[in-house]
C-alpha atoms as a PDB file:
ATOM      1  CA  MET A   1      -2.113   2.812  37.305  1.00  0.00           C
ATOM      2  CA  LEU A   2      -0.477   4.273  39.892  1.00  0.00           C
ATOM      3  CA  LYS A   3       0.225   1.615  42.113  1.00  0.00           C
ATOM      4  CA  LYS A   4       1.804  -0.226  39.396  1.00  0.00           C
ATOM      5  CA  LYS A   5       4.031   3.068  38.270  1.00  0.00           C
ATOM      6  CA  LEU A   6       5.119   3.083  42.285  1.00  0.00           C
ATOM      7  CA  SER A   7       5.553  -0.549  42.436  1.00  0.00           C
ATOM      8  CA  LEU A   8       8.164  -0.172  39.713  1.00  0.00           C
ATOM      9  CA  THR A   9       9.930   2.517  41.425  1.00  0.00           C
ATOM     10  CA  GLY A  10      10.526   0.281  44.526  1.00  0.00           C
ATOM     11  CA  LEU A  11       7.786   2.972  46.835  1.00  0.00           C
ATOM     12  CA  ILE A  12       5.566   0.529  47.765  1.00  0.00           C
ATOM     13  CA  ASP A  13       5.942  -3.064  49.092  1.00  0.00           C
ATOM     14  CA  LEU A  14       4.345  -6.086  47.266  1.00  0.00           C
ATOM     15  CA  ASP A  15       1.950  -7.741  48.853  1.00  0.00           C
ATOM     16  CA  ALA A  16       2.380 -10.268  51.626  1.00  0.00           C
ATOM     17  CA  SER A  17       1.157 -13.623  49.725  1.00  0.00           C
ATOM     18  CA  THR A  18       3.885 -13.032  46.676  1.00  0.00           C
ATOM     19  CA  ILE A  19       6.552 -12.544  49.390  1.00  0.00           C
ATOM     20  CA  GLU A  20       6.047 -15.542  50.872  1.00  0.00           C
ATOM     21  CA  VAL A  21       6.013 -17.383  48.194  1.00  0.00           C
ATOM     22  CA  GLY A  22       9.690 -16.511  47.765  1.00  0.00           C
ATOM     23  CA  ARG A  23      10.379 -16.994  51.253  1.00  0.00           C
ATOM     24  CA  LEU A  24       9.124 -20.358  50.753  1.00  0.00           C
ATOM     25  CA  LEU A  25      11.623 -21.081  47.673  1.00  0.00           C
ATOM     26  CA  ALA A  26      14.353 -20.054  49.438  1.00  0.00           C
ATOM     27  CA  ALA A  27      15.063 -17.118  46.792  1.00  0.00           C
ATOM     28  CA  ASP A  28      16.649 -13.752  48.332  1.00  0.00           C
ATOM     29  CA  TYR A  29      14.508 -12.274  44.907  1.00  0.00           C
ATOM     30  CA  LEU A  30      11.335 -12.932  43.085  1.00  0.00           C
ATOM     31  CA  ALA A  31      10.885 -12.056  39.594  1.00  0.00           C
ATOM     32  CA  ILE A  32       7.615 -11.263  38.491  1.00  0.00           C
ATOM     33  CA  GLY A  33       5.952 -10.005  35.683  1.00  0.00           C
ATOM     34  CA  THR A  34       3.222  -8.282  33.958  1.00  0.00           C
ATOM     35  CA  LEU A  35       2.295  -8.087  30.556  1.00  0.00           C
ATOM     36  CA  SER A  36       0.637  -4.960  28.574  1.00  0.00           C
ATOM     37  CA  SER A  37      -0.085  -5.664  25.630  1.00  0.00           C
ATOM     38  CA  TYR A  38       0.148  -9.337  23.042  1.00  0.00           C
ATOM     39  CA  ASP A  39      -0.842  -8.649  19.262  1.00  0.00           C
ATOM     40  CA  GLN A  40      -1.151 -11.740  16.931  1.00  0.00           C
ATOM     41  CA  GLU A  41      -1.347 -10.775  13.310  1.00  0.00           C
ATOM     42  CA  ILE A  42      -1.941 -13.650  10.496  1.00  0.00           C
ATOM     43  CA  LEU A  43      -0.832 -13.090   6.875  1.00  0.00           C
ATOM     44  CA  THR A  44      -2.301 -15.379   4.021  1.00  0.00           C
ATOM     45  CA  PHE A  45      -0.099 -16.364   0.923  1.00  0.00           C
ATOM     46  CA  GLU A  46      -1.330 -18.842  -2.168  1.00  0.00           C
ATOM     47  CA  SER A  47       0.491 -19.628  -4.928  1.00  0.00           C
ATOM     48  CA  TYR A  48       0.124 -22.383  -7.067  1.00  0.00           C
ATOM     49  CA  GLY A  49      -3.030 -23.389  -5.235  1.00  0.00           C
ATOM     50  CA  ALA A  50      -1.500 -24.142  -2.085  1.00  0.00           C
ATOM     51  CA  THR A  51      -1.971 -21.928   0.740  1.00  0.00           C
ATOM     52  CA  THR A  52       0.341 -20.965   3.080  1.00  0.00           C
ATOM     53  CA  GLU A  53      -0.227 -18.286   6.796  1.00  0.00           C
ATOM     54  CA  LYS A  54       2.219 -16.254   8.101  1.00  0.00           C
ATOM     55  CA  LEU A  55       2.014 -15.673  11.797  1.00  0.00           C
ATOM     56  CA  THR A  56       3.104 -12.708  13.779  1.00  0.00           C
ATOM     57  CA  ALA A  57       2.662 -12.519  17.625  1.00  0.00           C
ATOM     58  CA  SER A  58       4.263  -9.736  20.125  1.00  0.00           C
ATOM     59  CA  ILE A  59       3.915  -8.836  23.754  1.00  0.00           C
ATOM     60  CA  THR A  60       5.213  -6.146  25.263  1.00  0.00           C
ATOM     61  CA  GLY A  61       5.008  -5.436  29.683  1.00  0.00           C
ATOM     62  CA  ASP A  62       8.086  -5.375  32.259  1.00  0.00           C
ATOM     63  CA  ILE A  63       9.502  -7.691  34.820  1.00  0.00           C
ATOM     64  CA  ARG A  64      10.151  -6.427  38.362  1.00  0.00           C
ATOM     65  CA  LEU A  65      12.786  -7.892  40.779  1.00  0.00           C
ATOM     66  CA  ALA A  66      12.127  -8.034  44.109  1.00  0.00           C
ATOM     67  CA  ASN A  67      13.472  -8.346  47.395  1.00  0.00           C
ATOM     68  CA  THR A  68      12.070 -11.303  49.414  1.00  0.00           C
ATOM     69  CA  THR A  69      13.303 -10.272  52.775  1.00  0.00           C
ATOM     70  CA  THR A  70      11.522  -6.520  51.983  1.00  0.00           C
ATOM     71  CA  GLY A  71       9.498  -6.573  49.672  1.00  0.00           C
ATOM     72  CA  VAL A  72      10.709  -3.679  48.042  1.00  0.00           C
ATOM     73  CA  VAL A  73      10.805  -3.912  44.297  1.00  0.00           C
ATOM     74  CA  GLU A  74      14.211  -3.199  43.520  1.00  0.00           C
ATOM     75  CA  ARG A  75      15.019  -3.771  39.558  1.00  0.00           C
ATOM     76  CA  ALA A  76      12.287  -2.916  37.003  1.00  0.00           C
ATOM     77  CA  ALA A  77      12.716  -3.905  32.777  1.00  0.00           C
ATOM     78  CA  SER A  78      10.497  -3.404  30.189  1.00  0.00           C
ATOM     79  CA  PHE A  79      10.265  -6.261  27.223  1.00  0.00           C
ATOM     80  CA  ALA A  80       9.002  -5.708  23.926  1.00  0.00           C
ATOM     81  CA  VAL A  81       9.417  -9.637  21.859  1.00  0.00           C
ATOM     82  CA  SER A  82       8.242 -10.774  18.875  1.00  0.00           C
ATOM     83  CA  HIS A  83       8.108 -14.501  17.217  1.00  0.00           C
ATOM     84  CA  GLU A  84       6.908 -15.364  13.570  1.00  0.00           C
ATOM     85  CA  GLU A  85       6.098 -18.833  12.621  1.00  0.00           C
ATOM     86  CA  VAL A  86       4.538 -20.072   9.426  1.00  0.00           C
ATOM     87  CA  LEU A  87       1.815 -22.334   9.076  1.00  0.00           C
ATOM     88  CA  LEU A  88       1.549 -25.057   6.229  1.00  0.00           C
ATOM     89  CA  GLY A  89      -1.420 -26.107   5.047  1.00  0.00           C
ATOM     90  CA  MET A  90      -4.655 -26.699   7.880  1.00  0.00           C
ATOM     91  CA  LYS A  91      -1.597 -25.856  10.949  1.00  0.00           C
ATOM     92  CA  THR A  92      -3.774 -24.593  13.489  1.00  0.00           C
ATOM     93  CA  PRO A  93      -1.976 -22.374  15.714  1.00  0.00           C
ATOM     94  CA  ASN A  94      -2.029 -23.536  19.218  1.00  0.00           C
ATOM     95  CA  GLN A  95      -2.245 -19.891  21.062  1.00  0.00           C
ATOM     96  CA  ALA A  96      -0.900 -21.070  24.249  1.00  0.00           C
ATOM     97  CA  GLN A  97       2.198 -22.382  22.722  1.00  0.00           C
ATOM     98  CA  ILE A  98       2.992 -18.771  20.894  1.00  0.00           C
ATOM     99  CA  LEU A  99       2.533 -16.689  24.115  1.00  0.00           C
ATOM    100  CA  ARG A 100       5.105 -19.380  26.308  1.00  0.00           C
ATOM    101  CA  THR A 101       7.634 -18.974  23.400  1.00  0.00           C
ATOM    102  CA  LEU A 102       7.261 -15.198  24.019  1.00  0.00           C
ATOM    103  CA  LEU A 103       7.123 -14.730  27.822  1.00  0.00           C
ATOM    104  CA  GLU A 104      10.413 -17.273  27.606  1.00  0.00           C
ATOM    105  CA  LYS A 105      12.099 -15.002  25.513  1.00  0.00           C
ATOM    106  CA  ALA A 106      10.989 -12.026  27.824  1.00  0.00           C
ATOM    107  CA  PHE A 107      12.867 -13.543  30.666  1.00  0.00           C
ATOM    108  CA  GLN A 108      15.649 -14.138  28.724  1.00  0.00           C
ATOM    109  CA  ASN A 109      16.334 -10.837  27.435  1.00  0.00           C
ATOM    110  CA  ALA A 110      15.379  -9.105  30.421  1.00  0.00           C
ATOM    111  CA  LEU A 111      16.608 -11.209  33.118  1.00  0.00           C
ATOM    112  CA  PRO A 112      20.125 -10.827  32.388  1.00  0.00           C
ATOM    113  CA  GLU A 113      19.419  -7.219  32.407  1.00  0.00           C
ATOM    114  CA  LEU A 114      18.064  -7.446  36.171  1.00  0.00           C
ATOM    115  CA  LEU A 115      20.642  -9.326  37.685  1.00  0.00           C
ATOM    116  CA  LYS A 116      23.736  -7.284  35.533  1.00  0.00           C
ATOM    117  CA  ALA A 117      22.130  -4.367  37.709  1.00  0.00           C
ATOM    118  CA  GLU A 118      21.180  -6.375  41.067  1.00  0.00           C
ATOM    119  CA  ALA A 119      25.401  -7.695  40.689  1.00  0.00           C
ATOM    120  CA  GLN A 120      26.647  -3.861  40.026  1.00  0.00           C
ATOM    121  CA  LYS A 121      24.625  -2.895  42.845  1.00  0.00           C
ATOM    122  CA  GLU A 122      26.632  -5.977  45.343  1.00  0.00           C
ATOM    123  CA  ALA A 123      29.748  -5.000  44.391  1.00  0.00           C
ATOM    124  CA  GLU A 124      29.127  -0.779  44.926  1.00  0.00           C
END
């Protein structure tokens, strides 16, 4: 836990293999995410002999923006996102698709904040 807190502040470097991936991709920065929690709830409704289920899933975590030249985490943002889906009939929830949807929402919400902060830093 201490290592995670320090890496979020940029006080410790990321491991060399992570930074090497960023360099191989010719990226100046690498976005790295950590998933802290995943919760899922299914509520069942019955009406007129038909059963309908409502799935609610949520995740929390953080995204760090690391400089691939220095290996230092320069920005970090936390996220908490949720997804709701109605399951009709005998439909089974696709766990991989639900998690992918949640992760996409998390990155869509957090990355603009990280990039805006980086642009402000470069403008100074």
